[in-house]
Protein backbone atom coordinates (compact mmCIF):
# COMPACT_ATOMS: atom_id res chain seq x y z
CA MET A 1 -9.11 14.41 -10.38
CA ILE A 2 -7.42 14.25 -7.00
CA SER A 3 -7.29 10.60 -6.06
CA CYS A 4 -4.73 7.83 -5.32
CA ILE A 5 -4.64 6.62 -8.99
CA SER A 6 -3.50 10.06 -10.16
CA CYS A 7 -0.96 10.60 -7.42
CA HIS A 8 2.74 10.85 -8.04
CA PHE A 9 3.36 8.61 -4.96
CA SER A 10 0.87 5.90 -5.91
CA LYS A 11 1.84 2.68 -7.68
CA PRO A 12 -0.86 0.28 -9.07
CA LYS A 13 -0.51 -3.21 -7.58
CA GLU A 14 0.05 -6.01 -10.13
CA GLU A 15 -2.54 -8.26 -8.46
CA ASP A 16 -6.09 -7.41 -7.43
CA GLY A 17 -7.33 -7.56 -3.89
CA GLU A 18 -9.19 -10.51 -2.35
CA ASP A 19 -12.54 -8.92 -3.33
CA GLY A 20 -11.42 -8.49 -6.96
CA SER A 21 -10.85 -4.79 -6.63
CA ALA A 22 -7.83 -2.98 -8.06
CA TYR A 23 -5.48 -1.54 -5.37
CA CYS A 24 -2.63 0.91 -5.27
CA GLU A 25 0.45 1.04 -3.06
CA CYS A 26 1.10 4.40 -1.46
CA ARG A 27 4.83 5.16 -1.72
CA ARG A 28 4.67 8.59 -0.04
CA TYR A 29 6.59 7.25 3.05
CA PRO A 30 8.81 4.17 3.64
CA PRO A 31 7.05 0.79 4.04
CA LYS A 32 5.67 -0.16 7.44
CA ILE A 33 7.38 -3.03 9.26
CA LEU A 34 4.88 -5.64 10.52
CA TYR A 35 5.78 -8.53 12.81
CA PHE A 36 3.87 -11.85 12.95
CA ASP A 37 4.26 -14.87 15.16
CA SER A 38 4.57 -17.65 12.56
CA ASP A 39 5.30 -20.39 15.13
CA PRO A 40 5.48 -20.20 18.95
CA GLU A 41 8.87 -21.87 18.91
CA SER A 42 10.32 -19.56 16.26
CA HIS A 43 11.24 -15.85 16.23
CA HIS A 44 8.88 -13.21 14.92
CA VAL A 45 8.77 -12.88 11.14
CA GLN A 46 9.14 -9.45 9.86
CA TYR A 47 7.51 -8.06 6.68
CA ALA A 48 7.74 -4.58 5.01
CA VAL A 49 4.46 -3.50 3.43
CA TRP A 50 3.32 -0.46 1.63
CA PRO A 51 -0.06 0.96 2.63
CA GLU A 52 -2.83 -0.29 0.24
CA THR A 53 -5.45 2.21 -1.15
CA LYS A 54 -8.24 1.99 -3.73
CA PRO A 55 -7.75 4.04 -6.77
CA ASP A 56 -10.53 6.53 -5.90
CA ASP A 57 -9.28 7.02 -2.24
CA TRP A 58 -7.51 10.33 -1.48
CA CYS A 59 -5.58 12.05 1.29
CA GLY A 60 -3.91 15.44 2.03
CA GLU A 61 -0.54 14.31 0.72
CA TRP A 62 -1.65 14.06 -2.99
CA LYS A 63 0.89 15.33 -5.46
CA GLU A 64 0.43 15.66 -9.26
CA GLU A 65 1.99 12.91 -11.38
CA ARG A 66 5.11 13.87 -13.39
């Protein structure tokens, strides 16, 4: 089945989402850098995150697992 759970670039997350659903991390491209204002007096906080997908999601970049 062509979906995120069977994709070479997908990695199941160790923890479930807030709604209790299982999620995957898409590792097709480098993680995205997100910036947050944690405090008006401090500098921006930077996080690198992988896109989250549900196991049955799919896209045009799917590649068979090795």
